[in-house]
N, C-alpha and C. Protein backbone atom coordinates (compact mmCIF):
# COMPACT_ATOMS: atom_id res chain seq x y z
N MET A 1 -39.04 -28.78 14.07
CA MET A 1 -37.86 -28.69 12.98
C MET A 1 -36.72 -29.76 13.55
N ASN A 2 -36.36 -30.59 12.79
CA ASN A 2 -35.29 -31.67 13.17
C ASN A 2 -33.90 -30.98 13.25
N ASN A 3 -32.96 -31.96 13.79
CA ASN A 3 -31.58 -31.43 13.90
C ASN A 3 -30.86 -31.25 12.54
N LYS A 4 -31.30 -31.86 11.38
CA LYS A 4 -30.61 -31.56 10.30
C LYS A 4 -30.92 -30.17 9.82
N ASN A 5 -32.16 -29.76 9.76
CA ASN A 5 -32.71 -28.43 9.40
C ASN A 5 -31.99 -27.44 10.28
N LYS A 6 -31.92 -27.73 11.60
CA LYS A 6 -31.34 -26.83 12.50
C LYS A 6 -29.98 -26.36 11.98
N LYS A 7 -29.14 -27.46 11.89
CA LYS A 7 -27.88 -27.39 11.28
C LYS A 7 -27.61 -26.66 10.31
N LYS A 8 -28.58 -27.04 9.17
CA LYS A 8 -28.58 -26.19 7.83
C LYS A 8 -28.84 -24.84 7.96
N LEU A 9 -29.64 -24.45 9.06
CA LEU A 9 -30.19 -23.00 9.12
C LEU A 9 -28.92 -22.20 9.97
N LEU A 10 -28.28 -23.01 10.75
CA LEU A 10 -27.22 -22.41 11.70
C LEU A 10 -26.19 -22.10 10.61
N LEU A 11 -25.77 -23.24 9.80
CA LEU A 11 -24.62 -22.98 8.83
C LEU A 11 -24.86 -21.83 7.79
N GLY A 12 -26.24 -21.67 7.31
CA GLY A 12 -26.69 -20.63 6.50
C GLY A 12 -26.48 -19.26 7.21
N ASN A 13 -26.81 -19.30 8.49
CA ASN A 13 -26.38 -17.78 9.16
C ASN A 13 -25.26 -17.57 9.40
N TYR A 14 -24.39 -18.66 9.61
CA TYR A 14 -22.78 -18.38 9.64
C TYR A 14 -22.28 -18.07 8.48
N SER A 15 -22.81 -18.57 7.30
CA SER A 15 -22.41 -18.26 5.97
C SER A 15 -22.62 -16.89 5.58
N ASN A 16 -23.88 -16.28 5.94
CA ASN A 16 -24.21 -15.01 5.76
C ASN A 16 -23.46 -13.95 6.53
N ILE A 17 -23.10 -14.28 8.01
CA ILE A 17 -22.32 -13.36 8.68
C ILE A 17 -20.85 -13.06 8.03
N TRP A 18 -20.49 -14.42 7.53
CA TRP A 18 -18.85 -14.24 7.12
C TRP A 18 -18.85 -13.52 5.68
N LYS A 19 -20.00 -13.65 4.89
CA LYS A 19 -19.95 -12.82 3.80
C LYS A 19 -20.19 -11.22 3.98
N LYS A 20 -20.67 -11.09 5.08
CA LYS A 20 -20.89 -9.56 5.38
C LYS A 20 -19.55 -9.17 6.21
N LEU A 21 -18.78 -9.88 6.93
CA LEU A 21 -17.64 -9.59 7.61
C LEU A 21 -16.20 -9.95 6.77
N LYS A 22 -16.66 -10.53 5.79
CA LYS A 22 -15.50 -10.99 4.98
C LYS A 22 -14.40 -9.86 4.56
N PRO A 23 -14.67 -8.68 3.91
CA PRO A 23 -14.05 -7.60 3.63
C PRO A 23 -13.15 -6.97 4.87
N GLN A 24 -14.03 -6.93 5.96
CA GLN A 24 -13.39 -6.30 7.32
C GLN A 24 -12.32 -7.28 7.91
N VAL A 25 -12.53 -8.71 7.78
CA VAL A 25 -11.65 -9.64 8.26
C VAL A 25 -10.23 -9.79 7.39
N LEU A 26 -10.62 -9.66 5.93
CA LEU A 26 -9.36 -9.58 5.24
C LEU A 26 -8.50 -8.47 5.25
N MET A 27 -9.22 -7.26 5.65
CA MET A 27 -8.44 -5.92 5.83
C MET A 27 -7.55 -6.02 6.99
N ILE A 28 -8.21 -6.46 8.15
CA ILE A 28 -7.30 -6.59 9.34
C ILE A 28 -6.28 -7.49 9.18
N SER A 29 -6.55 -8.52 8.68
CA SER A 29 -5.47 -9.67 8.28
C SER A 29 -4.31 -9.04 7.39
N THR A 30 -4.64 -8.16 6.47
CA THR A 30 -3.58 -7.72 5.55
C THR A 30 -2.85 -6.54 6.57
N GLN A 31 -3.44 -5.88 7.36
CA GLN A 31 -2.65 -4.98 8.30
C GLN A 31 -1.87 -5.75 9.06
N LEU A 32 -2.60 -6.92 9.58
CA LEU A 32 -1.60 -7.62 10.60
C LEU A 32 -0.09 -8.28 9.84
N GLY A 33 -0.42 -8.55 8.58
CA GLY A 33 0.44 -9.13 7.77
C GLY A 33 1.71 -7.95 7.49
N TYR A 34 1.22 -6.88 7.16
CA TYR A 34 2.07 -5.79 7.21
C TYR A 34 2.81 -5.38 8.37
N THR A 35 2.18 -5.62 9.51
CA THR A 35 2.91 -5.46 10.68
C THR A 35 3.98 -6.27 11.01
N PHE A 36 3.77 -7.63 10.87
CA PHE A 36 4.90 -8.58 10.80
C PHE A 36 5.86 -8.24 9.61
N LEU A 37 5.50 -7.59 8.46
CA LEU A 37 6.61 -7.43 7.64
C LEU A 37 7.50 -6.29 7.90
N TYR A 38 6.82 -5.24 8.79
CA TYR A 38 7.65 -4.11 9.32
C TYR A 38 8.79 -4.77 10.29
N PHE A 39 8.48 -5.65 11.04
CA PHE A 39 9.51 -6.30 11.97
C PHE A 39 10.51 -6.82 11.39
N ILE A 40 10.10 -7.56 10.19
CA ILE A 40 11.08 -8.26 9.35
C ILE A 40 12.06 -7.30 8.67
N THR A 41 11.54 -6.21 8.19
CA THR A 41 12.09 -5.11 7.38
C THR A 41 13.12 -4.30 8.35
N GLU A 42 12.74 -4.12 9.67
CA GLU A 42 13.55 -3.61 10.73
C GLU A 42 14.69 -4.45 10.98
N ALA A 43 14.56 -5.73 11.13
CA ALA A 43 15.68 -6.71 11.35
C ALA A 43 16.50 -6.72 10.15
N SER A 44 16.02 -6.65 9.12
CA SER A 44 17.01 -6.73 7.84
C SER A 44 17.88 -5.31 7.73
N PHE A 45 17.23 -4.21 8.03
CA PHE A 45 18.05 -2.93 7.64
C PHE A 45 19.00 -2.71 8.79
N ASN A 46 18.37 -3.27 10.14
CA ASN A 46 19.56 -3.10 11.15
C ASN A 46 20.84 -3.87 11.06
N ASN A 47 20.67 -4.77 10.30
CA ASN A 47 21.71 -5.80 9.99
C ASN A 47 22.49 -5.50 8.62
N GLY A 48 22.24 -4.33 8.08
CA GLY A 48 22.99 -3.94 6.96
C GLY A 48 22.63 -4.21 5.62
N MET A 49 21.40 -4.76 5.39
CA MET A 49 20.82 -5.28 4.13
C MET A 49 20.66 -3.95 3.33
N ASN A 50 21.00 -4.00 1.97
CA ASN A 50 20.55 -3.02 0.97
C ASN A 50 19.13 -2.88 0.78
N PRO A 51 18.31 -1.79 1.05
CA PRO A 51 16.91 -1.73 0.60
C PRO A 51 16.54 -2.43 -0.55
N HIS A 52 17.28 -2.14 -1.84
CA HIS A 52 16.82 -2.54 -3.16
C HIS A 52 16.99 -4.23 -3.17
N VAL A 53 18.07 -4.64 -2.37
CA VAL A 53 18.41 -6.10 -2.42
C VAL A 53 16.98 -6.87 -1.54
N TYR A 54 16.88 -6.14 -0.43
CA TYR A 54 15.75 -6.67 0.33
C TYR A 54 14.46 -6.68 -0.33
N ILE A 55 13.94 -5.68 -1.16
CA ILE A 55 13.03 -5.75 -1.92
C ILE A 55 12.85 -6.92 -2.88
N THR A 56 13.99 -7.28 -3.68
CA THR A 56 14.08 -8.37 -4.48
C THR A 56 13.67 -9.75 -3.62
N TYR A 57 14.53 -9.82 -2.59
CA TYR A 57 14.47 -10.98 -1.73
C TYR A 57 12.85 -11.23 -1.19
N ARG A 58 12.31 -10.12 -0.80
CA ARG A 58 11.11 -10.04 -0.02
C ARG A 58 10.03 -10.62 -1.12
N HIS A 59 10.13 -10.22 -2.25
CA HIS A 59 9.11 -10.71 -3.41
C HIS A 59 9.53 -11.93 -4.03
N ILE A 60 10.46 -12.30 -3.97
CA ILE A 60 10.74 -13.86 -4.30
C ILE A 60 10.31 -14.87 -3.16
N VAL A 61 10.43 -14.53 -2.02
CA VAL A 61 9.97 -15.31 -0.87
C VAL A 61 8.50 -15.26 -1.03
N ALA A 62 7.75 -14.24 -1.28
CA ALA A 62 6.24 -14.02 -1.47
C ALA A 62 5.84 -14.87 -2.67
N ALA A 63 6.58 -14.73 -3.77
CA ALA A 63 6.07 -15.54 -4.79
C ALA A 63 6.11 -17.02 -4.68
N ILE A 64 7.23 -17.51 -4.03
CA ILE A 64 7.34 -18.91 -3.47
C ILE A 64 6.24 -19.44 -2.71
N PHE A 65 5.74 -18.50 -1.69
CA PHE A 65 4.82 -18.88 -0.69
C PHE A 65 3.41 -18.82 -1.30
N ILE A 66 3.23 -18.02 -2.17
CA ILE A 66 1.72 -17.67 -2.82
C ILE A 66 1.52 -18.67 -3.94
N PHE A 67 2.52 -18.94 -4.82
CA PHE A 67 2.40 -20.08 -5.74
C PHE A 67 1.56 -21.22 -5.44
N PRO A 68 1.87 -22.18 -4.62
CA PRO A 68 0.93 -23.25 -4.28
C PRO A 68 -0.48 -22.77 -4.19
N PHE A 69 -0.90 -21.77 -3.36
CA PHE A 69 -2.35 -21.32 -3.26
C PHE A 69 -2.84 -20.97 -4.62
N ALA A 70 -2.12 -20.09 -5.22
CA ALA A 70 -2.80 -19.46 -6.90
C ALA A 70 -2.83 -20.91 -7.73
N PHE A 71 -1.89 -21.80 -7.61
CA PHE A 71 -1.99 -22.84 -8.77
C PHE A 71 -3.03 -24.06 -8.15
N PHE A 72 -3.29 -24.28 -6.92
CA PHE A 72 -4.07 -25.37 -6.74
C PHE A 72 -5.58 -24.73 -6.48
N LEU A 73 -5.74 -23.54 -5.76
CA LEU A 73 -6.82 -22.94 -5.48
C LEU A 73 -7.53 -22.28 -6.73
N GLU A 74 -6.85 -21.64 -7.46
CA GLU A 74 -7.41 -20.75 -8.71
C GLU A 74 -7.19 -21.46 -9.88
N ARG A 75 -6.70 -22.81 -9.95
CA ARG A 75 -6.43 -23.35 -11.30
C ARG A 75 -7.25 -23.25 -12.14
N LYS A 76 -8.68 -23.56 -11.64
CA LYS A 76 -9.90 -23.61 -12.75
C LYS A 76 -10.49 -22.22 -12.94
N GLN A 77 -9.98 -21.15 -12.11
CA GLN A 77 -10.91 -19.84 -12.06
C GLN A 77 -10.14 -18.86 -12.91
N ARG A 78 -8.54 -18.90 -12.87
CA ARG A 78 -7.92 -18.03 -13.47
C ARG A 78 -8.04 -17.98 -15.04
N PRO A 79 -7.98 -16.76 -15.62
CA PRO A 79 -7.96 -16.72 -17.07
C PRO A 79 -6.81 -17.29 -17.67
N LYS A 80 -6.69 -17.65 -19.14
CA LYS A 80 -5.86 -18.06 -19.96
C LYS A 80 -4.84 -17.06 -20.02
N LEU A 81 -3.62 -17.25 -19.82
CA LEU A 81 -2.29 -16.18 -20.01
C LEU A 81 -2.11 -16.14 -21.55
N THR A 82 -2.80 -14.87 -21.69
CA THR A 82 -2.74 -14.44 -23.24
C THR A 82 -1.50 -13.33 -23.01
N PHE A 83 -1.00 -12.89 -24.38
CA PHE A 83 0.00 -11.75 -24.21
C PHE A 83 -0.44 -10.57 -23.61
N PRO A 84 -1.70 -10.03 -23.95
CA PRO A 84 -2.31 -8.66 -23.31
C PRO A 84 -2.29 -8.99 -21.87
N LEU A 85 -2.55 -10.15 -21.23
CA LEU A 85 -2.64 -10.21 -19.78
C LEU A 85 -1.25 -10.24 -19.24
N PHE A 86 -0.40 -10.84 -19.97
CA PHE A 86 0.97 -10.93 -19.62
C PHE A 86 1.59 -9.55 -19.43
N VAL A 87 1.27 -8.63 -20.48
CA VAL A 87 1.89 -7.17 -20.47
C VAL A 87 1.14 -6.53 -19.21
N GLU A 88 -0.17 -6.76 -19.09
CA GLU A 88 -0.63 -6.15 -17.78
C GLU A 88 -0.10 -6.43 -16.50
N ILE A 89 0.21 -7.82 -16.34
CA ILE A 89 1.01 -8.40 -15.22
C ILE A 89 2.45 -7.79 -15.06
N PHE A 90 2.95 -7.71 -16.11
CA PHE A 90 4.24 -7.14 -16.14
C PHE A 90 4.25 -5.58 -15.60
N ILE A 91 3.14 -4.76 -16.26
CA ILE A 91 3.08 -3.48 -15.80
C ILE A 91 2.89 -3.17 -14.60
N LEU A 92 1.84 -4.01 -13.92
CA LEU A 92 1.48 -3.90 -12.61
C LEU A 92 2.69 -4.30 -11.59
N SER A 93 3.51 -5.43 -11.95
CA SER A 93 4.65 -5.83 -11.11
C SER A 93 5.69 -4.62 -11.23
N LEU A 94 5.95 -3.97 -12.41
CA LEU A 94 6.74 -2.81 -12.65
C LEU A 94 6.41 -1.59 -11.79
N LEU A 95 5.14 -1.46 -11.69
CA LEU A 95 4.60 -0.16 -10.80
C LEU A 95 4.54 -0.38 -9.47
N GLY A 96 3.90 -1.48 -9.07
CA GLY A 96 3.75 -1.87 -7.71
C GLY A 96 5.03 -2.27 -6.94
N VAL A 97 5.87 -2.92 -7.61
CA VAL A 97 6.97 -3.68 -7.00
C VAL A 97 8.39 -2.67 -7.41
N GLY A 98 8.66 -2.62 -8.68
CA GLY A 98 10.00 -2.02 -9.15
C GLY A 98 9.93 -0.64 -8.87
N LEU A 99 9.15 0.23 -9.38
CA LEU A 99 9.32 1.68 -9.33
C LEU A 99 8.76 2.08 -7.93
N THR A 100 7.52 1.75 -7.45
CA THR A 100 7.09 2.06 -6.18
C THR A 100 7.99 2.09 -5.03
N LEU A 101 8.51 0.73 -4.53
CA LEU A 101 9.17 0.61 -3.51
C LEU A 101 10.59 0.87 -3.80
N ASN A 102 11.12 0.91 -4.86
CA ASN A 102 12.68 1.37 -5.06
C ASN A 102 12.65 2.86 -4.82
N THR A 103 11.67 3.68 -5.52
CA THR A 103 11.79 5.00 -5.26
C THR A 103 11.32 5.42 -3.94
N TYR A 104 10.64 4.66 -3.27
CA TYR A 104 10.12 4.91 -1.88
C TYR A 104 11.44 4.87 -1.00
N PHE A 105 12.17 3.74 -0.91
CA PHE A 105 13.38 3.59 -0.09
C PHE A 105 14.49 4.49 -0.56
N ALA A 106 14.55 4.64 -1.97
CA ALA A 106 15.64 5.65 -2.26
C ALA A 106 15.34 7.24 -1.79
N SER A 107 14.09 7.50 -1.71
CA SER A 107 13.98 8.79 -1.16
C SER A 107 14.36 9.09 0.32
N LEU A 108 14.31 8.12 1.09
CA LEU A 108 14.64 8.22 2.57
C LEU A 108 16.00 8.52 2.45
N LYS A 109 16.81 8.38 1.35
CA LYS A 109 18.35 8.80 1.66
C LYS A 109 18.42 10.28 1.60
N TYR A 110 17.49 11.01 1.03
CA TYR A 110 17.58 12.43 0.57
C TYR A 110 16.52 13.37 1.23
N THR A 111 15.60 12.76 1.87
CA THR A 111 14.49 13.50 2.89
C THR A 111 14.76 13.00 4.18
N SER A 112 13.54 12.88 4.85
CA SER A 112 13.35 12.30 6.15
C SER A 112 12.30 11.53 6.37
N PRO A 113 12.35 10.55 7.24
CA PRO A 113 11.19 9.49 7.43
C PRO A 113 9.96 10.22 7.82
N THR A 114 9.82 11.31 8.48
CA THR A 114 8.73 11.96 8.73
C THR A 114 8.07 12.57 7.49
N PHE A 115 8.84 13.21 6.41
CA PHE A 115 8.43 13.63 5.41
C PHE A 115 7.62 12.60 4.55
N VAL A 116 8.45 11.54 4.25
CA VAL A 116 8.11 10.30 3.38
C VAL A 116 6.62 9.71 3.92
N ALA A 117 6.70 9.37 5.25
CA ALA A 117 5.69 8.94 6.02
C ALA A 117 4.22 9.71 5.63
N SER A 118 4.61 11.27 5.70
CA SER A 118 3.27 11.79 5.47
C SER A 118 2.90 11.99 4.17
N MET A 119 3.93 11.81 3.27
CA MET A 119 3.44 11.99 1.92
C MET A 119 2.78 10.64 1.36
N VAL A 120 3.03 9.53 2.05
CA VAL A 120 2.49 8.36 1.80
C VAL A 120 0.95 8.17 2.01
N ASN A 121 0.59 9.15 3.08
CA ASN A 121 -0.96 9.17 3.29
C ASN A 121 -1.63 9.88 2.03
N THR A 122 -0.98 10.51 1.13
CA THR A 122 -1.69 11.08 0.17
C THR A 122 -2.08 10.13 -1.13
N ILE A 123 -1.69 8.76 -0.91
CA ILE A 123 -1.73 7.88 -1.87
C ILE A 123 -3.37 7.56 -2.20
N ALA A 124 -4.22 7.51 -1.09
CA ALA A 124 -5.63 7.45 -1.17
C ALA A 124 -6.45 8.85 -1.99
N SER A 125 -5.79 9.89 -1.56
CA SER A 125 -6.33 11.10 -2.23
C SER A 125 -5.76 11.18 -3.72
N LEU A 126 -4.43 10.77 -4.05
CA LEU A 126 -4.12 10.78 -5.35
C LEU A 126 -4.64 9.59 -6.13
N THR A 127 -5.20 8.62 -5.37
CA THR A 127 -5.90 7.50 -6.33
C THR A 127 -7.18 7.99 -6.66
N PHE A 128 -7.87 8.76 -5.78
CA PHE A 128 -9.32 9.40 -5.98
C PHE A 128 -9.01 10.42 -7.15
N ILE A 129 -8.13 11.45 -7.22
CA ILE A 129 -8.16 12.39 -8.16
C ILE A 129 -7.78 11.80 -9.57
N ILE A 130 -6.76 10.71 -9.60
CA ILE A 130 -6.43 10.10 -10.88
C ILE A 130 -7.68 9.39 -11.61
N ALA A 131 -8.37 8.81 -10.53
CA ALA A 131 -9.51 8.16 -11.12
C ALA A 131 -10.56 9.10 -11.80
N VAL A 132 -10.78 10.21 -11.03
CA VAL A 132 -11.69 11.13 -11.46
C VAL A 132 -11.14 11.78 -12.70
N VAL A 133 -9.91 12.05 -12.94
CA VAL A 133 -9.34 12.50 -14.18
C VAL A 133 -9.45 11.68 -15.32
N LEU A 134 -9.45 10.28 -15.05
CA LEU A 134 -9.74 9.27 -16.13
C LEU A 134 -10.98 8.78 -16.33
N ARG A 135 -11.95 9.48 -15.46
CA ARG A 135 -13.47 9.38 -15.52
C ARG A 135 -13.76 7.90 -15.12
N LEU A 136 -12.81 7.34 -14.14
CA LEU A 136 -13.27 6.04 -13.58
C LEU A 136 -13.99 6.24 -12.37
N GLU A 137 -14.11 7.43 -11.84
CA GLU A 137 -14.78 7.94 -10.50
C GLU A 137 -15.55 8.96 -10.86
N ILE A 138 -16.91 8.80 -10.65
CA ILE A 138 -17.98 9.93 -10.89
C ILE A 138 -18.19 10.79 -9.36
N ILE A 139 -18.12 11.98 -9.50
CA ILE A 139 -18.32 12.87 -8.16
C ILE A 139 -19.76 13.43 -8.33
N ASN A 140 -20.57 13.02 -7.34
CA ASN A 140 -21.83 13.41 -7.37
C ASN A 140 -22.05 14.19 -6.11
N LEU A 141 -21.86 15.66 -6.09
CA LEU A 141 -21.96 16.44 -5.05
C LEU A 141 -23.31 16.59 -4.36
N ARG A 142 -24.44 15.98 -5.03
CA ARG A 142 -25.65 16.01 -4.46
C ARG A 142 -25.85 14.96 -3.51
N ASN A 143 -24.89 13.86 -3.66
CA ASN A 143 -25.11 12.79 -2.66
C ASN A 143 -24.12 13.00 -1.48
N SER A 144 -24.48 12.25 -0.43
CA SER A 144 -23.77 12.37 0.71
C SER A 144 -22.45 11.57 0.53
N ARG A 145 -22.37 10.59 -0.13
CA ARG A 145 -20.99 9.82 -0.43
C ARG A 145 -20.13 10.67 -1.21
N GLY A 146 -20.51 11.63 -2.16
CA GLY A 146 -19.82 12.03 -3.10
C GLY A 146 -19.23 13.24 -2.24
N ILE A 147 -19.82 13.96 -1.44
CA ILE A 147 -19.31 15.05 -0.58
C ILE A 147 -18.28 14.57 0.37
N ALA A 148 -18.43 13.35 1.06
CA ALA A 148 -17.73 12.68 1.70
C ALA A 148 -16.28 12.34 1.18
N LYS A 149 -16.22 11.95 0.14
CA LYS A 149 -15.07 11.56 -0.75
C LYS A 149 -14.29 12.91 -0.92
N VAL A 150 -14.95 13.98 -1.37
CA VAL A 150 -14.27 15.21 -1.56
C VAL A 150 -13.62 15.83 -0.32
N LEU A 151 -14.49 15.78 0.70
CA LEU A 151 -14.00 16.24 1.76
C LEU A 151 -12.83 15.47 2.51
N GLY A 152 -12.97 14.07 2.42
CA GLY A 152 -11.92 13.30 2.69
C GLY A 152 -10.69 13.70 2.15
N THR A 153 -10.72 13.77 0.85
CA THR A 153 -9.55 14.02 -0.02
C THR A 153 -9.02 15.41 0.46
N LEU A 154 -9.79 16.44 0.57
CA LEU A 154 -9.19 17.82 0.97
C LEU A 154 -8.54 17.75 2.35
N ILE A 155 -9.09 17.19 3.35
CA ILE A 155 -8.64 16.76 4.50
C ILE A 155 -7.44 16.13 4.64
N SER A 156 -7.26 15.15 3.82
CA SER A 156 -6.12 14.45 3.82
C SER A 156 -4.93 15.35 3.35
N LEU A 157 -5.08 15.97 2.12
CA LEU A 157 -4.12 16.53 1.59
C LEU A 157 -3.85 17.92 2.56
N GLY A 158 -4.80 18.40 3.11
CA GLY A 158 -4.47 19.45 4.17
C GLY A 158 -3.64 19.04 5.30
N GLY A 159 -3.87 17.78 5.86
CA GLY A 159 -2.91 17.34 6.76
C GLY A 159 -1.72 17.04 6.32
N VAL A 160 -1.62 16.51 5.28
CA VAL A 160 0.03 16.18 4.65
C VAL A 160 0.84 17.74 4.58
N MET A 161 -0.04 18.57 4.05
CA MET A 161 0.72 19.96 3.68
C MET A 161 1.23 20.44 5.28
N THR A 162 0.26 20.16 6.30
CA THR A 162 0.53 20.77 7.49
C THR A 162 1.68 20.08 8.03
N MET A 163 1.83 18.68 7.95
CA MET A 163 2.88 17.95 8.53
C MET A 163 4.07 18.41 7.82
N THR A 164 4.03 18.65 6.56
CA THR A 164 5.29 19.11 5.56
C THR A 164 5.85 20.30 5.94
N LEU A 165 4.99 21.36 5.97
CA LEU A 165 5.44 22.72 5.91
C LEU A 165 5.58 23.33 7.18
N TYR A 166 4.95 22.80 8.23
CA TYR A 166 4.81 23.30 9.65
C TYR A 166 6.20 23.09 10.18
N LYS A 167 6.75 24.08 10.96
CA LYS A 167 7.93 23.99 11.66
C LYS A 167 7.73 24.32 13.20
N GLY A 168 7.92 23.32 13.86
CA GLY A 168 7.41 23.49 15.23
C GLY A 168 8.98 23.19 16.07
N PRO A 169 8.85 23.17 17.41
CA PRO A 169 10.15 22.86 18.30
C PRO A 169 10.47 21.58 17.98
N ILE A 170 11.79 21.26 18.18
CA ILE A 170 12.39 20.23 17.90
C ILE A 170 12.03 19.12 18.97
N VAL A 171 11.83 17.96 18.65
CA VAL A 171 11.37 16.91 19.42
C VAL A 171 12.64 15.91 19.44
N ARG A 172 13.06 15.61 20.76
CA ARG A 172 14.27 14.69 20.78
C ARG A 172 13.85 13.55 20.58
N ASN A 173 14.67 12.63 19.91
CA ASN A 173 14.21 11.09 19.89
C ASN A 173 14.55 10.47 21.60
N VAL A 174 13.62 9.77 22.09
CA VAL A 174 13.75 9.18 23.32
C VAL A 174 14.68 8.09 23.26
N TRP A 175 14.72 7.19 22.00
CA TRP A 175 15.80 6.04 21.86
C TRP A 175 16.30 6.31 20.33
N PRO A 176 17.12 5.48 20.04
CA PRO A 176 17.72 5.55 18.67
C PRO A 176 16.75 5.06 17.67
N PRO A 177 16.88 5.47 16.29
CA PRO A 177 15.94 5.01 15.17
C PRO A 177 15.81 3.48 15.09
N LEU A 178 14.70 3.02 15.05
CA LEU A 178 14.42 1.59 14.74
C LEU A 178 14.89 1.13 13.38
N ILE A 179 14.62 1.89 12.29
CA ILE A 179 15.16 1.52 11.01
C ILE A 179 16.18 2.30 10.57
N LYS A 180 17.46 1.72 10.25
CA LYS A 180 18.37 2.55 9.58
C LYS A 180 18.70 2.24 8.29
N ILE A 181 18.66 3.06 7.20
CA ILE A 181 18.72 2.76 5.88
C ILE A 181 20.18 2.95 5.49
N GLN A 182 20.75 1.90 4.84
CA GLN A 182 22.21 1.94 4.66
C GLN A 182 22.44 3.00 3.67
N GLY A 183 23.50 3.68 4.07
CA GLY A 183 23.85 4.94 3.05
C GLY A 183 23.37 6.26 3.26
N SER A 184 22.27 6.29 4.29
CA SER A 184 21.61 7.39 4.74
C SER A 184 22.37 8.01 5.63
N ASN A 185 22.89 9.51 5.43
CA ASN A 185 23.73 10.20 6.46
C ASN A 185 23.05 11.33 7.07
N GLY A 186 21.62 11.53 6.85
CA GLY A 186 20.91 12.45 7.37
C GLY A 186 21.04 13.87 6.65
N SER A 187 21.91 13.96 5.36
CA SER A 187 22.22 15.22 4.72
C SER A 187 20.68 15.45 3.92
N HIS A 188 20.48 16.79 4.12
CA HIS A 188 19.07 17.28 3.40
C HIS A 188 19.66 18.33 2.20
N GLU A 189 20.74 17.94 1.65
CA GLU A 189 21.10 18.87 0.40
C GLU A 189 20.42 18.50 -0.78
N HIS A 190 19.96 17.28 -0.90
CA HIS A 190 19.14 16.83 -2.11
C HIS A 190 17.60 16.64 -1.77
N TRP A 191 16.84 17.68 -1.08
CA TRP A 191 15.58 17.39 -0.78
C TRP A 191 14.74 17.60 -2.08
N LEU A 192 15.16 18.22 -3.19
CA LEU A 192 14.42 18.17 -4.27
C LEU A 192 14.22 16.97 -4.99
N LYS A 193 15.55 16.25 -5.07
CA LYS A 193 15.56 14.88 -5.66
C LYS A 193 14.75 13.93 -4.80
N GLY A 194 14.84 14.08 -3.44
CA GLY A 194 14.12 13.10 -2.78
C GLY A 194 12.54 13.31 -2.74
N SER A 195 12.07 14.62 -2.90
CA SER A 195 10.79 14.85 -2.86
C SER A 195 10.29 14.37 -4.05
N LEU A 196 10.88 14.56 -5.24
CA LEU A 196 10.52 14.03 -6.49
C LEU A 196 10.42 12.53 -6.47
N LEU A 197 11.29 11.90 -6.01
CA LEU A 197 11.22 10.34 -5.80
C LEU A 197 10.19 9.83 -4.86
N THR A 198 9.65 10.63 -3.79
CA THR A 198 8.62 10.41 -2.93
C THR A 198 7.13 10.52 -3.68
N VAL A 199 7.06 11.62 -4.54
CA VAL A 199 6.00 11.78 -5.33
C VAL A 199 5.90 10.75 -6.33
N SER A 200 6.92 10.60 -7.04
CA SER A 200 6.71 9.60 -7.98
C SER A 200 6.47 8.09 -7.57
N SER A 201 6.78 7.71 -6.30
CA SER A 201 6.51 6.60 -5.51
C SER A 201 4.81 6.71 -5.10
N CYS A 202 4.44 7.69 -4.79
CA CYS A 202 3.03 7.73 -4.58
C CYS A 202 2.27 7.78 -5.61
N ILE A 203 2.58 8.32 -6.83
CA ILE A 203 1.84 8.32 -7.99
C ILE A 203 1.80 6.78 -8.52
N THR A 204 3.03 6.29 -8.83
CA THR A 204 3.03 4.90 -9.21
C THR A 204 2.20 4.01 -8.43
N TRP A 205 2.23 4.19 -7.00
CA TRP A 205 1.40 3.38 -6.13
C TRP A 205 -0.08 3.46 -6.48
N SER A 206 -0.64 4.77 -6.63
CA SER A 206 -2.08 5.25 -7.08
C SER A 206 -2.34 4.42 -8.25
N ILE A 207 -1.47 4.56 -9.24
CA ILE A 207 -1.75 3.95 -10.71
C ILE A 207 -1.92 2.54 -10.54
N TRP A 208 -1.03 1.85 -9.76
CA TRP A 208 -1.15 0.47 -9.30
C TRP A 208 -2.43 0.04 -8.74
N TYR A 209 -2.91 0.85 -7.83
CA TYR A 209 -4.33 0.31 -7.51
C TYR A 209 -5.46 0.56 -8.45
N ILE A 210 -5.30 1.72 -9.15
CA ILE A 210 -6.60 1.85 -10.32
C ILE A 210 -6.40 0.73 -11.38
N MET A 211 -5.08 0.32 -11.45
CA MET A 211 -5.12 -0.69 -12.69
C MET A 211 -5.47 -2.25 -12.12
N GLN A 212 -5.69 -2.49 -10.88
CA GLN A 212 -6.22 -3.55 -10.35
C GLN A 212 -7.52 -3.71 -10.23
N GLU A 213 -8.50 -2.66 -10.58
CA GLU A 213 -9.77 -2.78 -10.39
C GLU A 213 -10.31 -3.42 -11.46
């Protein structure tokens, strides 16, 4: 086998490995991106920026950054912008950006970060339940994958209920809170309003995931 054939075979092996690992690499890259985003969010809130204004600025910067990639790399792949497609993009933006994030940050003013963080963990379970109700997901309890999905959903919901309802000993903060929401005074007089906002955020987040399929 000559050198050219060896190089082609080696490149082919690398290509196959990349295709297999591509979902995992993209998933890790997304989480790393969210990690840097949390640092930026922390710095913004600590300097007194309003959360709703921050959401607007964040997505303006994201749109400016992503536009060149979408325009040049996907110019020949993207479908023609028709009115139905425009409406779909508008609804996705409304759910995934407008309602989801604004209700999420607004709920922090009326509840606690622990409650909100635990409720966000129900998004995967809610997505699965909504998909089943809309018949986009089929449950096959005779299959190990179907049983795993149901058990995972029940365990996730059980964990959230435990974190939300269980009252144990008070744990003191070792250091001051990292993120301070402007206007949040720690009052729990409006827990019902905050809970409804949190649930609304999780539901719209789940619907946003489903609509992207």
